[in-house]
C-alpha atoms as a PDB file:
ATOM      1  CA  MET A   1      54.237 123.014  78.069  1.00  0.00           C
ATOM      2  CA  ILE A   2      57.619 123.377  79.759  1.00  0.00           C
ATOM      3  CA  GLY A   3      56.715 120.518  82.098  1.00  0.00           C
ATOM      4  CA  ASP A   4      55.780 118.304  79.142  1.00  0.00           C
ATOM      5  CA  ILE A   5      59.134 118.945  77.448  1.00  0.00           C
ATOM      6  CA  LEU A   6      60.983 118.369  80.698  1.00  0.00           C
ATOM      7  CA  ILE A   7      59.258 115.017  81.190  1.00  0.00           C
ATOM      8  CA  VAL A   8      60.160 113.875  77.668  1.00  0.00           C
ATOM      9  CA  ARG A   9      63.760 114.991  78.156  1.00  0.00           C
ATOM     10  CA  SER A  10      63.895 113.095  81.448  1.00  0.00           C
ATOM     11  CA  TRP A  11      63.615 109.824  79.530  1.00  0.00           C
ATOM     12  CA  PHE A  12      67.112 110.430  78.172  1.00  0.00           C
ATOM     13  CA  SER A  13      68.784 113.025  80.405  1.00  0.00           C
ATOM     14  CA  ASN A  14      69.679 112.530  84.060  1.00  0.00           C
ATOM     15  CA  LYS A  15      69.802 116.284  84.592  1.00  0.00           C
ATOM     16  CA  SER A  16      66.244 116.682  83.262  1.00  0.00           C
ATOM     17  CA  ALA A  17      65.126 113.749  85.387  1.00  0.00           C
ATOM     18  CA  GLU A  18      66.508 115.459  88.493  1.00  0.00           C
ATOM     19  CA  ASP A  19      64.827 118.699  87.435  1.00  0.00           C
ATOM     20  CA  CYS A  20      61.525 116.811  87.419  1.00  0.00           C
ATOM     21  CA  GLY A  21      62.055 115.953  91.069  1.00  0.00           C
ATOM     22  CA  ARG A  22      62.404 119.623  91.903  1.00  0.00           C
ATOM     23  CA  ARG A  23      60.001 121.300  89.490  1.00  0.00           C
ATOM     24  CA  LEU A  24      57.098 118.920  88.889  1.00  0.00           C
ATOM     25  CA  SER A  25      53.958 119.349  90.961  1.00  0.00           C
ATOM     26  CA  TRP A  26      52.418 116.338  92.616  1.00  0.00           C
ATOM     27  CA  ALA A  27      49.442 116.656  90.264  1.00  0.00           C
ATOM     28  CA  THR A  28      51.754 116.304  87.261  1.00  0.00           C
ATOM     29  CA  ALA A  29      53.604 113.415  88.874  1.00  0.00           C
ATOM     30  CA  LEU A  30      50.282 111.663  89.523  1.00  0.00           C
ATOM     31  CA  LEU A  31      49.325 112.235  85.897  1.00  0.00           C
ATOM     32  CA  CYS A  32      52.546 110.524  84.847  1.00  0.00           C
ATOM     33  CA  VAL A  33      51.686 107.526  87.027  1.00  0.00           C
ATOM     34  CA  LEU A  34      48.202 107.351  85.504  1.00  0.00           C
ATOM     35  CA  LEU A  35      49.620 107.563  81.987  1.00  0.00           C
ATOM     36  CA  SER A  36      52.159 104.821  82.691  1.00  0.00           C
ATOM     37  CA  GLY A  37      49.477 102.586  84.197  1.00  0.00           C
ATOM     38  CA  ALA A  38      47.170 103.179  81.236  1.00  0.00           C
ATOM     39  CA  ALA A  39      49.975 102.403  78.800  1.00  0.00           C
ATOM     40  CA  SER A  40      50.744  99.165  80.645  1.00  0.00           C
ATOM     41  CA  ALA A  41      47.095  98.100  80.359  1.00  0.00           C
ATOM     42  CA  PHE A  42      46.776  99.067  76.689  1.00  0.00           C
ATOM     43  CA  PRO A  43      47.899  95.722  75.177  1.00  0.00           C
ATOM     44  CA  PHE A  44      45.360  93.828  77.320  1.00  0.00           C
ATOM     45  CA  SER A  45      42.603  96.301  76.442  1.00  0.00           C
ATOM     46  CA  LEU A  46      43.418  96.058  72.748  1.00  0.00           C
ATOM     47  CA  GLY A  47      43.574  92.271  72.916  1.00  0.00           C
ATOM     48  CA  ARG A  48      40.261  91.974  74.772  1.00  0.00           C
ATOM     49  CA  TYR A  49      38.547  94.327  72.336  1.00  0.00           C
ATOM     50  CA  SER A  50      39.989  92.483  69.321  1.00  0.00           C
ATOM     51  CA  GLU A  51      38.907  89.158  70.806  1.00  0.00           C
ATOM     52  CA  ALA A  52      35.353  90.444  71.213  1.00  0.00           C
ATOM     53  CA  LEU A  53      35.265  91.642  67.605  1.00  0.00           C
ATOM     54  CA  THR A  54      36.581  88.313  66.351  1.00  0.00           C
ATOM     55  CA  LEU A  55      34.301  86.108  68.447  1.00  0.00           C
ATOM     56  CA  GLY A  56      31.296  88.236  67.569  1.00  0.00           C
ATOM     57  CA  GLN A  57      31.625  87.757  63.815  1.00  0.00           C
ATOM     58  CA  SER A  58      28.595  85.938  62.433  1.00  0.00           C
ATOM     59  CA  SER A  59      30.824  83.885  60.123  1.00  0.00           C
ATOM     60  CA  ARG A  60      32.159  82.064  63.187  1.00  0.00           C
ATOM     61  CA  TRP A  61      28.658  80.887  64.095  1.00  0.00           C
ATOM     62  CA  PRO A  62      27.176  78.987  61.130  1.00  0.00           C
ATOM     63  CA  GLY A  63      23.523  78.144  61.547  1.00  0.00           C
ATOM     64  CA  MET A  64      22.884  80.701  64.276  1.00  0.00           C
ATOM     65  CA  ALA A  65      20.244  82.441  62.178  1.00  0.00           C
ATOM     66  CA  GLY A  66      18.489  79.093  61.722  1.00  0.00           C
ATOM     67  CA  ALA A  67      18.549  78.531  65.476  1.00  0.00           C
ATOM     68  CA  PHE A  68      16.828  81.859  66.084  1.00  0.00           C
ATOM     69  CA  LEU A  69      14.287  81.145  63.354  1.00  0.00           C
ATOM     70  CA  GLU A  70      13.421  77.920  65.160  1.00  0.00           C
ATOM     71  CA  LEU A  71      13.196  79.858  68.425  1.00  0.00           C
ATOM     72  CA  ALA A  72      10.820  82.306  66.786  1.00  0.00           C
ATOM     73  CA  ALA A  73       8.669  79.484  65.389  1.00  0.00           C
ATOM     74  CA  ARG A  74       8.471  77.185  68.424  1.00  0.00           C
ATOM     75  CA  GLY A  75       9.812  79.118  71.403  1.00  0.00           C
ATOM     76  CA  GLY A  76       6.410  80.436  72.393  1.00  0.00           C
ATOM     77  CA  ASP A  77       5.876  83.665  74.282  1.00  0.00           C
ATOM     78  CA  PHE A  78       9.176  83.907  76.158  1.00  0.00           C
ATOM     79  CA  SER A  79      10.500  87.275  77.271  1.00  0.00           C
ATOM     80  CA  VAL A  80      13.584  88.982  78.686  1.00  0.00           C
ATOM     81  CA  ARG A  81      12.748  91.536  81.355  1.00  0.00           C
ATOM     82  CA  GLU A  82      15.145  93.313  83.718  1.00  0.00           C
ATOM     83  CA  GLY A  83      17.963  90.985  82.745  1.00  0.00           C
ATOM     84  CA  VAL A  84      15.972  87.793  83.440  1.00  0.00           C
ATOM     85  CA  PHE A  85      14.866  85.259  80.821  1.00  0.00           C
ATOM     86  CA  HIS A  86      11.296  84.052  81.292  1.00  0.00           C
ATOM     87  CA  PRO A  87      10.528  80.924  79.240  1.00  0.00           C
ATOM     88  CA  ASP A  88       7.090  80.020  78.005  1.00  0.00           C
ATOM     89  CA  THR A  89       6.124  77.085  80.211  1.00  0.00           C
ATOM     90  CA  GLY A  90       3.745  75.849  77.545  1.00  0.00           C
ATOM     91  CA  SER A  91       6.494  75.495  74.935  1.00  0.00           C
ATOM     92  CA  PRO A  92       9.335  72.938  74.640  1.00  0.00           C
ATOM     93  CA  SER A  93      12.326  73.539  76.898  1.00  0.00           C
ATOM     94  CA  GLU A  94      14.689  72.336  74.196  1.00  0.00           C
ATOM     95  CA  LEU A  95      14.630  72.798  70.423  1.00  0.00           C
ATOM     96  CA  SER A  96      16.970  71.843  67.607  1.00  0.00           C
ATOM     97  CA  ALA A  97      17.706  73.426  64.251  1.00  0.00           C
ATOM     98  CA  ALA A  98      20.686  73.727  61.885  1.00  0.00           C
ATOM     99  CA  GLY A  99      22.672  71.416  64.142  1.00  0.00           C
ATOM    100  CA  TRP A 100      22.056  73.608  67.201  1.00  0.00           C
ATOM    101  CA  ARG A 101      20.587  72.601  70.554  1.00  0.00           C
ATOM    102  CA  ILE A 102      18.456  75.498  71.755  1.00  0.00           C
ATOM    103  CA  ILE A 103      17.920  75.195  75.497  1.00  0.00           C
ATOM    104  CA  LEU A 104      15.250  77.362  77.105  1.00  0.00           C
ATOM    105  CA  ASP A 105      15.436  76.254  80.726  1.00  0.00           C
ATOM    106  CA  GLY A 106      15.837  79.654  82.385  1.00  0.00           C
ATOM    107  CA  GLY A 107      18.040  77.965  84.969  1.00  0.00           C
ATOM    108  CA  PRO A 108      21.172  78.996  86.887  1.00  0.00           C
ATOM    109  CA  ALA A 109      24.483  79.653  85.168  1.00  0.00           C
ATOM    110  CA  TRP A 110      26.300  76.616  83.844  1.00  0.00           C
ATOM    111  CA  THR A 111      29.650  75.561  85.247  1.00  0.00           C
ATOM    112  CA  ALA A 112      30.357  73.381  82.198  1.00  0.00           C
ATOM    113  CA  VAL A 113      29.111  73.573  78.623  1.00  0.00           C
ATOM    114  CA  PRO A 114      28.032  70.429  76.702  1.00  0.00           C
ATOM    115  CA  GLU A 115      29.781  69.450  73.496  1.00  0.00           C
ATOM    116  CA  GLY A 116      28.374  70.415  70.107  1.00  0.00           C
ATOM    117  CA  ARG A 117      26.467  73.483  69.024  1.00  0.00           C
ATOM    118  CA  VAL A 118      24.589  74.877  71.985  1.00  0.00           C
ATOM    119  CA  LEU A 119      22.533  78.035  72.400  1.00  0.00           C
ATOM    120  CA  ARG A 120      21.262  78.244  75.942  1.00  0.00           C
ATOM    121  CA  PHE A 121      19.001  80.804  77.578  1.00  0.00           C
ATOM    122  CA  GLY A 122      19.506  80.597  81.343  1.00  0.00           C
ATOM    123  CA  LYS A 123      17.871  82.727  83.974  1.00  0.00           C
ATOM    124  CA  THR A 124      20.370  85.575  83.767  1.00  0.00           C
ATOM    125  CA  ARG A 125      22.979  84.278  81.281  1.00  0.00           C
ATOM    126  CA  VAL A 126      22.963  83.515  77.578  1.00  0.00           C
ATOM    127  CA  THR A 127      25.522  80.995  76.331  1.00  0.00           C
ATOM    128  CA  ALA A 128      26.539  80.145  72.784  1.00  0.00           C
ATOM    129  CA  SER A 129      29.054  77.351  72.296  1.00  0.00           C
ATOM    130  CA  LEU A 130      30.478  75.930  69.081  1.00  0.00           C
ATOM    131  CA  ALA A 131      32.853  73.124  70.024  1.00  0.00           C
ATOM    132  CA  GLU A 132      34.012  72.479  66.447  1.00  0.00           C
ATOM    133  CA  LYS A 133      35.586  75.939  66.333  1.00  0.00           C
ATOM    134  CA  ARG A 134      36.388  76.144  70.035  1.00  0.00           C
ATOM    135  CA  SER A 135      34.213  79.236  70.268  1.00  0.00           C
ATOM    136  CA  LEU A 136      32.351  80.202  73.406  1.00  0.00           C
ATOM    137  CA  LEU A 137      30.283  83.250  74.231  1.00  0.00           C
ATOM    138  CA  ASP A 138      28.690  83.759  77.622  1.00  0.00           C
ATOM    139  CA  GLY A 139      27.134  86.989  78.759  1.00  0.00           C
ATOM    140  CA  PRO A 140      24.260  88.584  80.653  1.00  0.00           C
ATOM    141  CA  ALA A 141      20.717  88.179  79.404  1.00  0.00           C
ATOM    142  CA  THR A 142      20.506  91.974  79.272  1.00  0.00           C
ATOM    143  CA  VAL A 143      21.951  91.774  75.747  1.00  0.00           C
ATOM    144  CA  LEU A 144      18.420  90.680  74.735  1.00  0.00           C
ATOM    145  CA  GLU A 145      16.581  93.044  77.079  1.00  0.00           C
ATOM    146  CA  GLY A 146      13.021  93.611  75.882  1.00  0.00           C
ATOM    147  CA  LEU A 147      12.991  90.690  73.451  1.00  0.00           C
ATOM    148  CA  THR A 148       9.840  88.602  73.418  1.00  0.00           C
ATOM    149  CA  GLY A 149       8.616  85.675  71.402  1.00  0.00           C
ATOM    150  CA  GLY A 150       6.235  87.999  69.599  1.00  0.00           C
ATOM    151  CA  SER A 151       8.888  90.574  68.696  1.00  0.00           C
ATOM    152  CA  LEU A 152      11.223  87.826  67.476  1.00  0.00           C
ATOM    153  CA  ARG A 153       8.487  86.427  65.214  1.00  0.00           C
ATOM    154  CA  GLU A 154       7.919  89.913  63.888  1.00  0.00           C
ATOM    155  CA  LEU A 155      11.639  90.245  63.095  1.00  0.00           C
ATOM    156  CA  ALA A 156      11.668  86.850  61.398  1.00  0.00           C
ATOM    157  CA  ARG A 157       9.233  88.165  58.803  1.00  0.00           C
ATOM    158  CA  ASP A 158      11.833  90.645  57.532  1.00  0.00           C
ATOM    159  CA  ARG A 159      14.992  88.841  56.395  1.00  0.00           C
ATOM    160  CA  GLU A 160      17.186  91.949  56.417  1.00  0.00           C
ATOM    161  CA  LYS A 161      16.152  93.076  59.891  1.00  0.00           C
ATOM    162  CA  PHE A 162      16.446  89.524  61.198  1.00  0.00           C
ATOM    163  CA  THR A 163      20.004  89.210  59.856  1.00  0.00           C
ATOM    164  CA  ILE A 164      20.946  92.508  61.488  1.00  0.00           C
ATOM    165  CA  PHE A 165      19.416  91.298  64.763  1.00  0.00           C
ATOM    166  CA  VAL A 166      21.414  88.049  64.799  1.00  0.00           C
ATOM    167  CA  LYS A 167      24.668  89.844  63.976  1.00  0.00           C
ATOM    168  CA  GLY A 168      23.954  92.443  66.646  1.00  0.00           C
ATOM    169  CA  PHE A 169      23.178  89.735  69.198  1.00  0.00           C
ATOM    170  CA  LEU A 170      26.521  88.013  68.599  1.00  0.00           C
ATOM    171  CA  GLN A 171      28.503  91.240  68.832  1.00  0.00           C
ATOM    172  CA  ALA A 172      26.625  92.326  71.946  1.00  0.00           C
ATOM    173  CA  LEU A 173      27.155  88.961  73.639  1.00  0.00           C
ATOM    174  CA  ALA A 174      30.856  88.970  72.742  1.00  0.00           C
ATOM    175  CA  SER A 175      31.483  92.486  74.018  1.00  0.00           C
ATOM    176  CA  ALA A 176      28.998  92.753  76.909  1.00  0.00           C
ATOM    177  CA  GLU A 177      31.568  92.145  79.634  1.00  0.00           C
ATOM    178  CA  ALA A 178      34.631  93.468  77.838  1.00  0.00           C
ATOM    179  CA  PRO A 179      34.414  96.972  79.394  1.00  0.00           C
ATOM    180  CA  GLY A 180      34.322  95.502  82.907  1.00  0.00           C
ATOM    181  CA  ALA A 181      37.289  93.230  82.184  1.00  0.00           C
ATOM    182  CA  ILE A 182      39.249  96.107  80.683  1.00  0.00           C
ATOM    183  CA  LEU A 183      38.438  98.387  83.625  1.00  0.00           C
ATOM    184  CA  ALA A 184      39.461  95.731  86.155  1.00  0.00           C
ATOM    185  CA  ALA A 185      42.722  95.011  84.333  1.00  0.00           C
ATOM    186  CA  SER A 186      43.474  98.725  83.985  1.00  0.00           C
ATOM    187  CA  GLY A 187      42.910  99.263  87.696  1.00  0.00           C
ATOM    188  CA  LEU A 188      45.183  96.355  88.554  1.00  0.00           C
ATOM    189  CA  MET A 189      47.917  97.582  86.221  1.00  0.00           C
ATOM    190  CA  LEU A 190      47.639 101.078  87.666  1.00  0.00           C
ATOM    191  CA  LEU A 191      48.072  99.741  91.207  1.00  0.00           C
ATOM    192  CA  GLN A 192      51.046  97.617  90.143  1.00  0.00           C
ATOM    193  CA  THR A 193      52.639 100.529  88.321  1.00  0.00           C
ATOM    194  CA  ALA A 194      52.118 102.922  91.241  1.00  0.00           C
ATOM    195  CA  ALA A 195      53.572 100.374  93.687  1.00  0.00           C
ATOM    196  CA  PHE A 196      56.566  99.764  91.429  1.00  0.00           C
ATOM    197  CA  ILE A 197      57.206 103.503  91.121  1.00  0.00           C
ATOM    198  CA  LEU A 198      57.101 103.861  94.910  1.00  0.00           C
ATOM    199  CA  VAL A 199      59.563 100.977  95.305  1.00  0.00           C
ATOM    200  CA  LEU A 200      61.959 102.440  92.758  1.00  0.00           C
ATOM    201  CA  GLY A 201      61.497 105.880  94.295  1.00  0.00           C
ATOM    202  CA  SER A 202      62.510 104.434  97.653  1.00  0.00           C
ATOM    203  CA  PHE A 203      65.556 102.834  96.056  1.00  0.00           C
ATOM    204  CA  LEU A 204      66.549 106.098  94.394  1.00  0.00           C
ATOM    205  CA  ALA A 205      66.034 107.975  97.664  1.00  0.00           C
ATOM    206  CA  LEU A 206      68.703 105.792  99.272  1.00  0.00           C
ATOM    207  CA  SER A 207      71.223 107.908  97.424  1.00  0.00           C
ATOM    208  CA  ALA A 208      70.377 110.691  99.902  1.00  0.00           C
ATOM    209  CA  ILE A 209      72.342 108.769 102.533  1.00  0.00           C
ATOM    210  CA  GLY A 210      75.540 109.313 100.636  1.00  0.00           C
ATOM    211  CA  LEU A 211      74.648 112.725  99.222  1.00  0.00           C
ATOM    212  CA  GLY A 212      73.487 114.442 102.395  1.00  0.00           C
ATOM    213  CA  GLY A 213      69.996 114.887 100.943  1.00  0.00           C
ATOM    214  CA  ARG A 214      71.241 116.957  97.967  1.00  0.00           C
ATOM    215  CA  VAL A 215      72.075 116.257  94.364  1.00  0.00           C
ATOM    216  CA  ALA A 216      75.470 117.554  93.396  1.00  0.00           C
ATOM    217  CA  SER A 217      74.430 119.704  90.441  1.00  0.00           C
ATOM    218  CA  GLY A 218      72.279 122.486  91.798  1.00  0.00           C
ATOM    219  CA  PRO A 219      69.634 122.729  94.509  1.00  0.00           C
ATOM    220  CA  ARG A 220      67.692 119.565  93.706  1.00  0.00           C
ATOM    221  CA  ALA A 221      66.670 117.429  96.654  1.00  0.00           C
ATOM    222  CA  ALA A 222      67.547 113.747  96.605  1.00  0.00           C
ATOM    223  CA  GLY A 223      64.965 112.722  99.210  1.00  0.00           C
ATOM    224  CA  PHE A 224      62.001 110.385  98.939  1.00  0.00           C
ATOM    225  CA  ALA A 225      59.423 112.865  97.583  1.00  0.00           C
ATOM    226  CA  ALA A 226      61.720 114.204  94.877  1.00  0.00           C
ATOM    227  CA  SER A 227      62.897 110.702  93.971  1.00  0.00           C
ATOM    228  CA  VAL A 228      59.326 109.466  93.511  1.00  0.00           C
ATOM    229  CA  LYS A 229      58.639 112.399  91.181  1.00  0.00           C
ATOM    230  CA  VAL A 230      61.765 111.536  89.209  1.00  0.00           C
ATOM    231  CA  VAL A 231      60.687 107.912  88.791  1.00  0.00           C
ATOM    232  CA  ALA A 232      57.118 108.942  87.899  1.00  0.00           C
ATOM    233  CA  ALA A 233      58.406 111.230  85.159  1.00  0.00           C
ATOM    234  CA  VAL A 234      60.878 108.773  83.633  1.00  0.00           C
ATOM    235  CA  SER A 235      58.326 105.904  83.781  1.00  0.00           C
ATOM    236  CA  VAL A 236      56.200 107.303  80.975  1.00  0.00           C
ATOM    237  CA  GLY A 237      58.748 106.695  78.220  1.00  0.00           C
ATOM    238  CA  PRO A 238      59.415 103.008  79.039  1.00  0.00           C
ATOM    239  CA  ALA A 239      55.680 102.422  79.542  1.00  0.00           C
ATOM    240  CA  LEU A 240      54.785 103.832  76.134  1.00  0.00           C
ATOM    241  CA  LEU A 241      57.579 101.893  74.431  1.00  0.00           C
ATOM    242  CA  ALA A 242      56.657  98.607  76.116  1.00  0.00           C
ATOM    243  CA  ALA A 243      52.967  99.148  75.361  1.00  0.00           C
ATOM    244  CA  GLY A 244      53.683  99.865  71.691  1.00  0.00           C
ATOM    245  CA  VAL A 245      55.691  96.680  71.267  1.00  0.00           C
ATOM    246  CA  GLY A 246      53.264  94.660  73.401  1.00  0.00           C
ATOM    247  CA  ALA A 247      50.352  95.720  71.200  1.00  0.00           C
ATOM    248  CA  LEU A 248      52.082  94.008  68.274  1.00  0.00           C
ATOM    249  CA  LEU A 249      52.348  90.675  70.126  1.00  0.00           C
ATOM    250  CA  PRO A 250      48.959  88.923  70.234  1.00  0.00           C
ATOM    251  CA  GLY A 251      48.535  86.868  73.370  1.00  0.00           C
ATOM    252  CA  ALA A 252      51.877  87.799  74.906  1.00  0.00           C
ATOM    253  CA  GLY A 253      51.280  91.557  74.741  1.00  0.00           C
ATOM    254  CA  PRO A 254      50.040  92.184  78.327  1.00  0.00           C
ATOM    255  CA  ALA A 255      52.859  90.170  79.904  1.00  0.00           C
ATOM    256  CA  PHE A 256      55.445  91.798  77.665  1.00  0.00           C
ATOM    257  CA  ALA A 257      54.152  95.295  78.450  1.00  0.00           C
ATOM    258  CA  TRP A 258      54.553  94.766  82.186  1.00  0.00           C
ATOM    259  CA  LEU A 259      57.895  92.977  81.957  1.00  0.00           C
ATOM    260  CA  GLY A 260      59.170  95.537  79.456  1.00  0.00           C
ATOM    261  CA  LEU A 261      58.151  98.424  81.702  1.00  0.00           C
ATOM    262  CA  SER A 262      59.741  96.784  84.743  1.00  0.00           C
ATOM    263  CA  LEU A 263      63.011  96.121  82.961  1.00  0.00           C
ATOM    264  CA  LEU A 264      63.323  99.432  81.097  1.00  0.00           C
ATOM    265  CA  LEU A 265      62.234 101.576  84.040  1.00  0.00           C
ATOM    266  CA  GLY A 266      64.487  99.683  86.434  1.00  0.00           C
ATOM    267  CA  ILE A 267      67.487 100.248  84.150  1.00  0.00           C
ATOM    268  CA  ARG A 268      66.621 103.933  83.710  1.00  0.00           C
ATOM    269  CA  VAL A 269      66.393 104.483  87.480  1.00  0.00           C
ATOM    270  CA  VAL A 270      69.740 102.747  87.994  1.00  0.00           C
ATOM    271  CA  PHE A 271      71.288 105.215  85.544  1.00  0.00           C
ATOM    272  CA  VAL A 272      69.812 108.145  87.488  1.00  0.00           C
ATOM    273  CA  TYR A 273      71.065 106.608  90.734  1.00  0.00           C
ATOM    274  CA  MET A 274      74.569 106.156  89.339  1.00  0.00           C
ATOM    275  CA  GLY A 275      74.476 109.652  87.883  1.00  0.00           C
ATOM    276  CA  ARG A 276      73.945 111.167  91.300  1.00  0.00           C
ATOM    277  CA  PHE A 277      77.129 109.604  92.658  1.00  0.00           C
ATOM    278  CA  LYS A 278      78.991 110.430  89.482  1.00  0.00           C
ATOM    279  CA  ASP A 279      78.102 114.087  90.018  1.00  0.00           C
ATOM    280  CA  LYS A 280      79.273 113.848  93.611  1.00  0.00           C
ATOM    281  CA  ALA A 281      82.607 112.285  92.572  1.00  0.00           C
ATOM    282  CA  GLY A 282      83.151 115.009  89.998  1.00  0.00           C
ATOM    283  CA  ARG A 283      82.799 117.860  92.470  1.00  0.00           C
END
């Protein structure tokens, strides 16, 4: 509890920041780095999640239910097993309904998507494209794992269940790879944040050259280890502030969060650096 209060005070007080360098454990300092990295990644995570929710809304995909009804009627005995789409070789490889091209080729992933309304079942990828609304969904076939032509025909007999299935398919396709993207971005932001803290810690540690390895006010070391702890502690406040503002800026949020953290944390460390020499001059 005392450590938590000290960290919060370090965002505003140079003395508390220096106390963090002396009193914080490395475990707590690492926790501060993790929290700052997570805060930096928050706007991207929020944006990616919001994008998935928006793209997965059935209202953005008019006629999709009709496309699946046509698939149920004429798609034959296809199946999706272990993430692989197996078409019925005795059925057409392309259908059309409600303005949609329904392609059942079971082929490799596309590098380009044709114009118009396209619902394509590749070997391991499912693609839905609606050029008129600039909407594109592409995800693993595992979102339909276990689906067969027979089970789809069974669903088509119950309008309510079929509607729920189509809505669920769109949401699943939109969000299937969101967790991986969020995890990758969070890891990258954590590495960037940790590297930036080490760089600023090294800069702050340069003050030890002029201070003889000590901070003027009390027995607080001014060396590299203590300086890194100081920067780790004071980074949390700027990271949370930048993340909060970045979350309110659709599209520009991730860039703003990182730039805001860099600017605010850099300024805060400069104040701590100047404070050390101010203490020395006042002795």
